[in-house]
C-alpha cells in the first residue's frame, strides 16, 4: 500500500510502498530498508488518515485509514494488543489520579496539623504578607490613624500571652461583611461592619482575642496547608506552574477564616478569653456578642451577620460556654480610643461608594 514517509529531520515527504511482513511493516525510504515492528507502533488517527511512528523515534508514516484497517484485519492481534495497552494506560492513570486525590484530600488535611506546627515563623510571615497584599486590593485599610493606633496597641497588649513568633498586627479594613479574620504571620483584620456592630469595647476585644488565639494555636497555618491541597487541583485546571490555584484558594480561605472546624473554633474561644485574662482585661464581651448575632438572624441586619455565623458555627452553644468562662477585668479601650475606633473608617471614600449590608 502507498504511504507518505517523513524522516523527521527535513521537511521532505517521500512516497513509499509499505508491505505487511510477519509482525512488521516494511518499506524502502530511498536510502535503506525499514522494518517497523507492529508491537512498537504508535498510532495517531488523523481523520481519513493514520500517522504511524516508533516509540521515541522521529520518523513518521502516514497511510490512508482504509489501509490501516486492512493491516488490522490481517493481524487481529494487533488491534487487541492496542486495546489492551489503552486499558492498561487508563487503569494506570486512574490509579495515579486516585492516589493523588487521596494525598490531596485526605493526606494533606490529616497532616495539616503537624505541618502547621513545623512551619518556620519566617515562612508563615512571608505567606501572610503575600496574602495581605492581595486582600488589600479588595479590602483596603481604613485611614483613621487614631483608631488604627488603638487597634495596634491592643494587639501589642495581647502579644506577651500569645506566644506567637511574630507581632500581632490588628487593623481595620473596609469590607461589606461583618467579620474578623487572621492571616498567617499574625495579621488580624477587622471589617468596618464588625466595628459598627460591636456595642462595647469588650465585644470587639473578644473577637480580636479569638482571632489571636487562632494565630497562637497555628489554626491559620493549618488552614493554609489544608487549602494548599485544593490549590494543587485548581492550579492543574488553570495551568500548572503558575501558582494561581494556590493563590486563589488561600485568598478565599483567608477571607472566610479558613473555615475552621468546630473544635478549632471552640478552642480559640477558650484560648481567646485566656489571652484577655492574662492581659488583665475583661472577657465578658464574647458571650453578649454571640448572643446578639443569634438574635439578629430575623432582623433587618440578618444579612450583615450571615458571613460571621456561617464561618463560626454553633453560635448559641459557644455563647453559653463563653459566659461560663467569662471574668471581669479592665476595658480594652478607653473612651477616646473607643471613639477613634468607631470612626476609623467613617471618612473613607469606599464607604460612600459601596454601602455595606444593612446600611
Protein backbone atom coordinates (compact mmCIF):
# COMPACT_ATOMS: atom_id res chain seq x y z
CA UNK A 1 0.00 0.00 0.00
CA UNK A 2 1.10 3.56 -0.65
CA UNK A 3 2.15 5.83 2.23
CA UNK A 4 3.91 9.12 2.89
CA UNK A 5 7.20 8.94 4.78
CA UNK A 6 8.59 11.85 6.88
CA UNK A 7 12.15 11.29 8.08
CA UNK A 8 11.76 13.76 10.99
CA UNK A 9 14.99 15.54 10.03
CA UNK A 10 13.90 17.51 6.97
CA UNK A 11 10.63 18.80 5.55
CA UNK A 12 10.85 16.35 2.64
CA UNK A 13 8.00 13.92 2.11
CA UNK A 14 8.66 10.62 0.31
CA UNK A 15 6.08 8.37 -1.30
CA UNK A 16 6.81 4.77 -0.28
CA UNK A 17 5.29 1.32 -0.73
CA UNK A 18 4.55 -0.37 2.58
CA UNK A 19 4.13 -4.13 2.90
CA UNK A 20 2.95 -6.22 5.84
CA UNK A 21 5.56 -8.88 6.58
CA UNK A 22 5.13 -11.24 9.55
CA UNK A 23 4.88 -8.90 12.55
CA UNK A 24 6.27 -5.73 10.98
CA UNK A 25 5.75 -3.08 8.33
CA UNK A 26 8.46 -2.99 5.66
CA UNK A 27 9.32 -0.26 3.17
CA UNK A 28 12.27 1.40 1.46
CA UNK A 29 12.76 5.08 2.28
CA UNK A 30 15.11 5.76 -0.67
CA UNK A 31 18.26 5.19 1.38
CA UNK A 32 17.67 1.99 3.28
CA UNK A 33 15.12 -0.70 4.04
CA UNK A 34 12.93 -0.03 7.06
CA UNK A 35 11.36 -2.69 9.27
CA UNK A 36 8.90 -1.34 11.89
CA UNK A 37 7.67 -3.95 14.44
CA UNK A 38 3.90 -3.83 14.82
CA UNK A 39 4.01 -4.11 18.60
CA UNK A 40 6.15 -0.95 18.82
CA UNK A 41 3.97 1.23 16.64
CA UNK A 42 2.47 4.45 17.95
CA UNK A 43 -0.79 5.21 16.15
CA UNK A 44 -2.44 8.61 15.77
CA UNK A 45 -5.70 8.90 13.86
CA UNK A 46 -5.99 11.98 11.62
CA UNK A 47 -9.48 11.86 10.17
CA UNK A 48 -9.17 9.88 6.93
CA UNK A 49 -5.53 9.06 7.56
CA UNK A 50 -3.43 7.36 10.23
CA UNK A 51 0.03 8.51 11.33
CA UNK A 52 2.41 5.80 12.50
CA UNK A 53 5.66 6.10 14.37
CA UNK A 54 8.03 4.15 16.58
CA UNK A 55 8.30 4.97 20.28
CA UNK A 56 10.99 7.59 20.83
CA UNK A 57 11.80 7.95 17.12
CA UNK A 58 11.22 11.00 14.90
CA UNK A 59 10.27 9.39 11.52
CA UNK A 60 6.57 9.04 10.68
CA UNK A 61 4.45 7.15 8.16
CA UNK A 62 1.07 8.45 7.04
CA UNK A 63 -1.28 5.95 5.41
CA UNK A 64 -4.93 6.04 4.48
CA UNK A 65 -7.37 4.92 7.15
CA UNK A 66 -8.55 2.11 4.85
CA UNK A 67 -5.02 0.79 4.56
CA UNK A 68 -4.66 0.70 8.34
CA UNK A 69 -7.95 -1.19 8.62
CA UNK A 70 -6.61 -3.75 6.16
CA UNK A 71 -3.48 -4.17 8.30
CA UNK A 72 -5.58 -4.65 11.46
CA UNK A 73 -7.84 -7.12 9.64
CA UNK A 74 -4.81 -9.13 8.57
CA UNK A 75 -3.38 -9.08 12.10
CA UNK A 76 -6.35 -9.17 14.58
CA UNK A 77 -3.92 -9.50 17.47
CA UNK A 78 -2.59 -6.03 16.66
CA UNK A 79 -5.89 -4.30 17.48
CA UNK A 80 -6.39 -6.47 20.58
CA UNK A 81 -2.91 -5.55 21.75
CA UNK A 82 -3.63 -1.86 21.17
CA UNK A 83 -6.88 -2.07 23.14
CA UNK A 84 -5.11 -3.87 25.95
CA UNK A 85 -2.42 -1.17 26.09
CA UNK A 86 -5.11 1.52 26.10
CA UNK A 87 -6.91 -0.11 29.05
CA UNK A 88 -3.62 -0.53 30.89
CA UNK A 89 -2.91 3.18 30.34
CA UNK A 90 -6.40 4.15 31.52
CA UNK A 91 -6.08 1.95 34.59
CA UNK A 92 -2.68 3.42 35.37
CA UNK A 93 -3.89 6.98 35.02
CA UNK A 94 -6.96 6.21 37.14
CA UNK A 95 -4.80 4.70 39.86
CA UNK A 96 -2.46 7.70 39.77
CA UNK A 97 -5.44 10.06 39.99
CA UNK A 98 -6.85 8.12 42.94
CA UNK A 99 -3.52 8.25 44.76
CA UNK A 100 -3.16 11.97 44.05
CA UNK A 101 -6.70 12.64 45.26
CA UNK A 102 -6.03 10.64 48.41
CA UNK A 103 -2.91 12.65 49.15
CA UNK A 104 -4.58 16.00 48.40
CA UNK A 105 -7.98 15.48 50.03
CA UNK A 106 -7.09 13.05 52.83
CA UNK A 107 -3.34 13.03 53.41
CA UNK A 108 -2.77 16.80 53.37
CA UNK A 109 -5.72 17.57 55.71
CA UNK A 110 -4.58 14.88 58.15
CA UNK A 111 -1.02 16.18 58.03
CA UNK A 112 -2.03 19.85 58.21
CA UNK A 113 -1.68 19.98 62.00
CA UNK A 114 1.90 18.68 62.18
CA UNK A 115 2.81 20.70 59.08
CA UNK A 116 1.47 23.87 60.69
CA UNK A 117 3.47 23.28 63.86
CA UNK A 118 6.62 22.65 61.81
CA UNK A 119 6.24 25.74 59.61
CA UNK A 120 9.03 28.24 60.45
CA UNK A 121 7.71 31.64 61.63
CA UNK A 122 9.69 33.36 58.87
CA UNK A 123 7.88 31.34 56.20
CA UNK A 124 4.49 31.89 57.84
CA UNK A 125 5.13 35.64 57.97
CA UNK A 126 6.10 35.68 54.29
CA UNK A 127 2.90 33.83 53.33
CA UNK A 128 0.86 36.25 55.41
CA UNK A 129 2.46 39.30 53.80
CA UNK A 130 1.73 37.92 50.35
CA UNK A 131 -1.91 37.23 51.18
CA UNK A 132 -2.29 40.54 52.97
CA UNK A 133 -1.11 42.43 49.89
CA UNK A 134 -3.69 40.65 47.75
CA UNK A 135 -6.53 41.12 50.22
CA UNK A 136 -5.75 44.83 50.49
CA UNK A 137 -6.62 45.23 46.83
CA UNK A 138 -10.21 44.24 47.59
CA UNK A 139 -10.46 45.39 51.21
CA UNK A 140 -8.30 48.49 51.74
CA UNK A 141 -7.05 49.51 55.16
CA UNK A 142 -9.15 52.25 56.80
CA UNK A 143 -7.48 55.66 57.03
CA UNK A 144 -8.35 56.68 60.59
CA UNK A 145 -4.90 56.92 62.20
CA UNK A 146 -6.05 57.21 65.81
CA UNK A 147 -8.36 54.20 65.52
CA UNK A 148 -5.69 52.11 63.82
CA UNK A 149 -3.19 53.05 66.52
CA UNK A 150 -5.64 51.92 69.22
CA UNK A 151 -6.13 48.57 67.49
CA UNK A 152 -2.38 48.09 67.07
CA UNK A 153 -1.82 48.90 70.74
CA UNK A 154 -4.40 46.31 71.72
CA UNK A 155 -2.60 43.67 69.63
CA UNK A 156 0.61 44.56 71.48
CA UNK A 157 -1.17 44.03 74.83
CA UNK A 158 -2.17 40.51 73.79
CA UNK A 159 1.27 39.69 72.40
CA UNK A 160 3.02 38.59 75.65
CA UNK A 161 0.42 35.92 76.36
CA UNK A 162 0.04 34.75 72.76
CA UNK A 163 3.39 33.02 72.40
CA UNK A 164 3.39 33.89 68.68
CA UNK A 165 6.74 34.17 66.96
CA UNK A 166 5.75 37.48 65.36
CA UNK A 167 3.84 40.62 66.40
CA UNK A 168 0.04 40.61 66.42
CA UNK A 169 -0.85 43.38 63.98
CA UNK A 170 -4.51 44.39 64.22
CA UNK A 171 -6.02 46.72 61.66
CA UNK A 172 -9.44 47.78 60.38
CA UNK A 173 -10.35 47.21 56.73
CA UNK A 174 -13.28 48.18 54.53
CA UNK A 175 -15.42 45.19 53.54
CA UNK A 176 -19.20 44.79 53.14
CA UNK A 177 -19.44 41.92 55.64
CA UNK A 178 -19.35 41.50 59.40
CA UNK A 179 -16.19 39.52 60.09
CA UNK A 180 -12.70 39.39 61.51
CA UNK A 181 -10.04 37.02 60.24
CA UNK A 182 -6.42 36.22 60.91
CA UNK A 183 -3.70 35.78 58.31
CA UNK A 184 -0.52 33.73 58.62
CA UNK A 185 2.15 35.74 60.36
CA UNK A 186 -0.04 37.45 62.95
CA UNK A 187 -2.08 39.99 60.95
CA UNK A 188 -5.66 40.29 62.24
CA UNK A 189 -8.12 42.15 60.00
CA UNK A 190 -11.36 43.53 61.42
CA UNK A 191 -14.02 44.73 58.98
CA UNK A 192 -15.67 48.13 59.34
CA UNK A 193 -19.09 46.46 59.56
CA UNK A 194 -17.99 44.38 62.54
CA UNK A 195 -16.69 47.51 64.27
CA UNK A 196 -20.04 49.17 63.60
CA UNK A 197 -21.90 46.21 65.09
CA UNK A 198 -19.80 45.89 68.25
CA UNK A 199 -21.60 47.77 71.03
CA UNK A 200 -18.84 47.75 73.66
CA UNK A 201 -15.03 47.64 73.79
CA UNK A 202 -15.30 44.23 75.47
CA UNK A 203 -17.16 42.77 72.47
CA UNK A 204 -14.61 43.94 69.94
CA UNK A 205 -11.74 42.84 72.21
CA UNK A 206 -13.25 39.36 72.47
CA UNK A 207 -13.47 38.98 68.70
CA UNK A 208 -9.86 40.12 68.20
CA UNK A 209 -8.63 37.87 71.03
CA UNK A 210 -10.44 34.94 69.39
CA UNK A 211 -8.51 35.58 66.15
CA UNK A 212 -5.25 35.99 68.08
CA UNK A 213 -5.88 32.55 69.57
CA UNK A 214 -6.20 31.08 66.07
CA UNK A 215 -2.76 32.51 65.33
CA UNK A 216 -1.21 31.15 68.52
CA UNK A 217 -2.75 27.70 68.10
CA UNK A 218 -1.48 27.59 64.48
CA UNK A 219 -5.02 27.12 63.19
CA UNK A 220 -4.30 29.70 60.49
CA UNK A 221 -1.35 27.79 59.05
CA UNK A 222 -3.27 24.54 59.41
CA UNK A 223 -5.98 26.04 57.22
CA UNK A 224 -3.35 27.17 54.74
CA UNK A 225 -1.95 23.66 54.47
CA UNK A 226 -5.46 22.22 54.02
CA UNK A 227 -6.21 24.79 51.32
CA UNK A 228 -2.91 24.07 49.60
CA UNK A 229 -4.10 20.61 48.54
CA UNK A 230 -7.18 22.04 46.84
CA UNK A 231 -4.99 24.70 45.25
CA UNK A 232 -2.92 21.99 43.59
CA UNK A 233 -6.04 20.72 41.84
CA UNK A 234 -7.14 24.21 40.80
CA UNK A 235 -3.64 25.01 39.58
CA UNK A 236 -3.78 21.96 37.33
CA UNK A 237 -7.02 23.31 35.85
CA UNK A 238 -5.87 26.90 35.27
CA UNK A 239 -2.37 25.96 34.16
CA UNK A 240 0.38 24.20 36.07
CA UNK A 241 3.38 26.09 37.32
CA UNK A 242 1.62 29.45 37.72
CA UNK A 243 0.63 29.04 41.37
CA UNK A 244 -2.72 30.64 40.52
CA UNK A 245 -4.68 27.82 42.12
CA UNK A 246 -2.89 28.08 45.45
CA UNK A 247 -3.21 31.86 45.46
CA UNK A 248 -6.94 31.79 44.69
CA UNK A 249 -7.73 29.19 47.31
CA UNK A 250 -5.58 30.79 50.01
CA UNK A 251 -7.04 34.23 49.33
CA UNK A 252 -10.60 32.94 49.52
CA UNK A 253 -9.80 30.76 52.52
CA UNK A 254 -8.27 33.63 54.49
CA UNK A 255 -11.31 35.83 53.97
CA UNK A 256 -13.63 33.15 55.37
CA UNK A 257 -11.48 32.40 58.43
CA UNK A 258 -10.11 29.40 56.51
CA UNK A 259 -13.27 27.56 57.53
CA UNK A 260 -12.05 26.31 60.86
CA UNK A 261 -13.60 23.19 62.34
CA UNK A 262 -16.00 23.48 65.26
CA UNK A 263 -13.35 22.04 67.54
CA UNK A 264 -10.87 24.71 66.43
CA UNK A 265 -13.46 27.47 66.95
CA UNK A 266 -14.26 26.24 70.45
CA UNK A 267 -10.55 26.01 71.26
CA UNK A 268 -9.99 29.56 70.00
CA UNK A 269 -12.91 30.85 72.11
CA UNK A 270 -11.40 29.44 75.30
CA UNK A 271 -7.85 30.49 74.44
CA UNK A 272 -9.00 33.95 73.38
CA UNK A 273 -10.63 34.52 76.75
CA UNK A 274 -7.48 33.24 78.43
CA UNK A 275 -5.41 35.79 76.49
CA UNK A 276 -7.70 38.56 77.78
CA UNK A 277 -7.35 37.26 81.35
CA UNK A 278 -3.56 37.19 81.01
CA UNK A 279 -3.60 40.83 79.95
CA UNK A 280 -5.86 41.78 82.87
CA UNK A 281 -8.77 42.55 80.54
CA UNK A 282 -12.44 41.68 80.73
CA UNK A 283 -13.55 38.60 78.81
CA UNK A 284 -17.24 39.30 79.36
CA UNK A 285 -17.84 40.63 75.84
CA UNK A 286 -17.68 37.33 73.96
CA UNK A 287 -20.99 35.86 75.12
CA UNK A 288 -23.12 39.02 74.53
CA UNK A 289 -21.68 39.42 71.05
CA UNK A 290 -22.50 35.82 70.10
CA UNK A 291 -25.98 36.12 71.61
CA UNK A 292 -26.71 39.25 69.64
CA UNK A 293 -25.59 37.51 66.46
CA UNK A 294 -28.17 34.80 67.00
CA UNK A 295 -30.83 37.31 68.00
CA UNK A 296 -30.37 39.29 64.78
CA UNK A 297 -30.98 36.41 62.43
CA UNK A 298 -34.56 37.56 61.84
CA UNK A 299 -33.84 41.28 61.96
CA UNK A 300 -33.12 43.79 59.23
CA UNK A 301 -29.40 43.22 59.92
CA UNK A 302 -29.59 39.50 59.17
CA UNK A 303 -27.50 39.79 56.02
CA UNK A 304 -24.78 41.59 57.92
CA UNK A 305 -24.15 38.68 60.27
CA UNK A 306 -24.60 35.86 57.77
CA UNK A 307 -20.90 35.62 56.93
CA UNK A 308 -19.73 35.60 60.52
CA UNK A 309 -22.30 33.00 61.59
CA UNK A 310 -21.51 30.74 58.62
CA UNK A 311 -17.77 30.72 59.32
CA UNK A 312 -18.19 30.48 63.11
CA UNK A 313 -20.74 27.67 63.63
CA UNK A 314 -22.82 26.67 66.65
CA UNK A 315 -23.00 30.28 67.86
CA UNK A 316 -25.54 29.89 70.68
CA UNK A 317 -23.73 26.99 72.33
CA UNK A 318 -20.45 28.89 72.14
CA UNK A 319 -22.11 31.89 73.75
CA UNK A 320 -23.19 29.77 76.72
CA UNK A 321 -19.70 28.32 77.20
CA UNK A 322 -18.12 31.75 76.85
CA UNK A 323 -20.40 33.13 79.57
CA UNK A 324 -19.33 30.35 81.95
CA UNK A 325 -15.64 31.19 81.39
CA UNK A 326 -16.06 34.98 81.48
CA UNK A 327 -14.17 37.00 84.08
CA UNK A 328 -14.27 40.74 84.87
CA UNK A 329 -11.28 42.94 84.12
CA UNK A 330 -10.23 46.27 82.66
CA UNK A 331 -11.78 47.59 79.48
CA UNK A 332 -9.70 47.01 76.37
CA UNK A 333 -10.11 50.61 75.19
CA UNK A 334 -10.76 53.90 77.00
CA UNK A 335 -13.41 56.34 75.77
CA UNK A 336 -11.05 58.23 73.50
CA UNK A 337 -9.70 55.06 71.91
CA UNK A 338 -13.18 53.60 71.51
CA UNK A 339 -14.45 56.73 69.77
CA UNK A 340 -11.43 56.68 67.44
CA UNK A 341 -12.00 53.02 66.59
CA UNK A 342 -15.67 53.67 65.88
CA UNK A 343 -14.63 56.44 63.48
CA UNK A 344 -11.66 54.59 61.96
CA UNK A 345 -13.39 54.03 58.59
CA UNK A 346 -16.07 56.72 58.67
CA UNK A 347 -14.32 59.17 56.34
CA UNK A 348 -13.10 56.67 53.77
CA UNK A 349 -14.45 57.16 50.22
CA UNK A 350 -15.30 53.50 49.68
CA UNK A 351 -17.87 53.55 52.46
CA UNK A 352 -19.80 56.12 50.46
CA UNK A 353 -19.39 54.32 47.13
CA UNK A 354 -20.04 50.74 48.26
CA UNK A 355 -22.52 50.65 51.14
CA UNK A 356 -22.30 47.60 53.39
CA UNK A 357 -25.16 45.17 54.05
CA UNK A 358 -27.84 46.66 56.26
CA UNK A 359 -26.79 50.27 55.75
